[in-house]
Amino acid sequence: MTQKLGRHGIPVRTARNAALAALAADLPSPILADVTGMHRHTALRWVAYARRDWAEYLAARIEGEANKRQEN
């Protein structure tokens, strides 16, 4: 199915990863592993990825915006 969709210019990997990230954000890793059939360690990595702490990114954005205001 991936190859057929790819021939028509439909990127499958991006949608697959987005769907896995959404599931990983809502499910504990043992359930994610059972539902998707992936190894429990892979499911654990997806859950860790989906619940990543974005505090550093947000702080950098706020600092960048403050610097722009000071320059103007």
C-alpha atoms as a PDB file:
ATOM      1  CA  MET A   1       0.000   0.000   0.000  1.00  0.00           C
ATOM      2  CA  THR A   2       2.882   2.361   0.811  1.00  0.00           C
ATOM      3  CA  GLN A   3       4.360   1.859  -2.647  1.00  0.00           C
ATOM      4  CA  LYS A   4       1.032   2.417  -4.390  1.00  0.00           C
ATOM      5  CA  LEU A   5       0.418   5.645  -2.512  1.00  0.00           C
ATOM      6  CA  GLY A   6       4.011   6.753  -3.117  1.00  0.00           C
ATOM      7  CA  ARG A   7       3.556   6.358  -6.880  1.00  0.00           C
ATOM      8  CA  HIS A   8       0.771   8.920  -6.669  1.00  0.00           C
ATOM      9  CA  GLY A   9       2.861  11.374  -4.670  1.00  0.00           C
ATOM     10  CA  ILE A  10       1.204  10.701  -1.315  1.00  0.00           C
ATOM     11  CA  PRO A  11       3.835  10.674   1.459  1.00  0.00           C
ATOM     12  CA  VAL A  12       2.986   7.903   3.892  1.00  0.00           C
ATOM     13  CA  ARG A  13       5.847   8.067   6.397  1.00  0.00           C
ATOM     14  CA  THR A  14       4.946  11.561   7.589  1.00  0.00           C
ATOM     15  CA  ALA A  15       1.341  10.570   8.241  1.00  0.00           C
ATOM     16  CA  ARG A  16       2.435   7.317   9.921  1.00  0.00           C
ATOM     17  CA  ASN A  17       4.807   9.148  12.255  1.00  0.00           C
ATOM     18  CA  ALA A  18       2.190  11.764  13.102  1.00  0.00           C
ATOM     19  CA  ALA A  19      -0.337   9.046  13.913  1.00  0.00           C
ATOM     20  CA  LEU A  20       2.167   7.175  16.092  1.00  0.00           C
ATOM     21  CA  ALA A  21       3.107  10.367  17.922  1.00  0.00           C
ATOM     22  CA  ALA A  22      -0.567  11.100  18.586  1.00  0.00           C
ATOM     23  CA  LEU A  23      -1.143   7.582  19.916  1.00  0.00           C
ATOM     24  CA  ALA A  24       2.029   7.734  22.003  1.00  0.00           C
ATOM     25  CA  ALA A  25       0.887  10.984  23.591  1.00  0.00           C
ATOM     26  CA  ASP A  26      -2.362   9.348  24.727  1.00  0.00           C
ATOM     27  CA  LEU A  27      -1.378   5.765  25.558  1.00  0.00           C
ATOM     28  CA  PRO A  28       1.080   4.189  27.984  1.00  0.00           C
ATOM     29  CA  SER A  29       3.904   2.326  26.245  1.00  0.00           C
ATOM     30  CA  PRO A  30       2.697  -1.232  27.059  1.00  0.00           C
ATOM     31  CA  ILE A  31      -0.690  -0.528  25.484  1.00  0.00           C
ATOM     32  CA  LEU A  32       0.885   1.224  22.497  1.00  0.00           C
ATOM     33  CA  ALA A  33       3.079  -1.851  21.944  1.00  0.00           C
ATOM     34  CA  ASP A  34       0.072  -4.182  22.108  1.00  0.00           C
ATOM     35  CA  VAL A  35      -2.135  -2.072  19.850  1.00  0.00           C
ATOM     36  CA  THR A  36       0.480  -1.470  17.156  1.00  0.00           C
ATOM     37  CA  GLY A  37       2.422  -4.724  17.430  1.00  0.00           C
ATOM     38  CA  MET A  38       5.710  -2.902  17.938  1.00  0.00           C
ATOM     39  CA  HIS A  39       8.381  -3.984  20.414  1.00  0.00           C
ATOM     40  CA  ARG A  40       7.922  -2.611  23.916  1.00  0.00           C
ATOM     41  CA  HIS A  41      11.229  -0.707  23.750  1.00  0.00           C
ATOM     42  CA  THR A  42      10.177   0.977  20.520  1.00  0.00           C
ATOM     43  CA  ALA A  43       6.864   1.935  22.099  1.00  0.00           C
ATOM     44  CA  LEU A  44       8.711   3.348  25.102  1.00  0.00           C
ATOM     45  CA  ARG A  45      10.832   5.535  22.809  1.00  0.00           C
ATOM     46  CA  TRP A  46       7.732   6.808  20.998  1.00  0.00           C
ATOM     47  CA  VAL A  47       6.050   7.681  24.305  1.00  0.00           C
ATOM     48  CA  ALA A  48       9.186   9.509  25.468  1.00  0.00           C
ATOM     49  CA  TYR A  49       9.328  11.381  22.166  1.00  0.00           C
ATOM     50  CA  ALA A  50       5.671  12.378  22.309  1.00  0.00           C
ATOM     51  CA  ARG A  51       5.919  13.647  25.874  1.00  0.00           C
ATOM     52  CA  ARG A  52       9.094  15.616  25.316  1.00  0.00           C
ATOM     53  CA  ASP A  53       9.477  18.722  27.440  1.00  0.00           C
ATOM     54  CA  TRP A  54       9.380  21.775  25.190  1.00  0.00           C
ATOM     55  CA  ALA A  55      10.286  24.267  27.952  1.00  0.00           C
ATOM     56  CA  GLU A  56      13.761  25.023  26.500  1.00  0.00           C
ATOM     57  CA  TYR A  57      12.303  25.703  23.073  1.00  0.00           C
ATOM     58  CA  LEU A  58       9.637  28.003  24.474  1.00  0.00           C
ATOM     59  CA  ALA A  59      12.187  29.887  26.567  1.00  0.00           C
ATOM     60  CA  ALA A  60      14.386  30.403  23.494  1.00  0.00           C
ATOM     61  CA  ARG A  61      11.415  31.683  21.505  1.00  0.00           C
ATOM     62  CA  ILE A  62      10.466  34.140  24.252  1.00  0.00           C
ATOM     63  CA  GLU A  63      14.070  35.336  24.489  1.00  0.00           C
ATOM     64  CA  GLY A  64      14.241  35.751  20.715  1.00  0.00           C
ATOM     65  CA  GLU A  65      11.043  37.792  20.667  1.00  0.00           C
ATOM     66  CA  ALA A  66      12.326  39.989  23.506  1.00  0.00           C
ATOM     67  CA  ASN A  67      15.580  40.605  21.593  1.00  0.00           C
ATOM     68  CA  LYS A  68      13.625  41.596  18.463  1.00  0.00           C
ATOM     69  CA  ARG A  69      11.599  44.126  20.448  1.00  0.00           C
ATOM     70  CA  GLN A  70      14.755  45.647  21.930  1.00  0.00           C
ATOM     71  CA  GLU A  71      16.308  46.020  18.456  1.00  0.00           C
ATOM     72  CA  ASN A  72      13.271  47.910  17.163  1.00  0.00           C
END
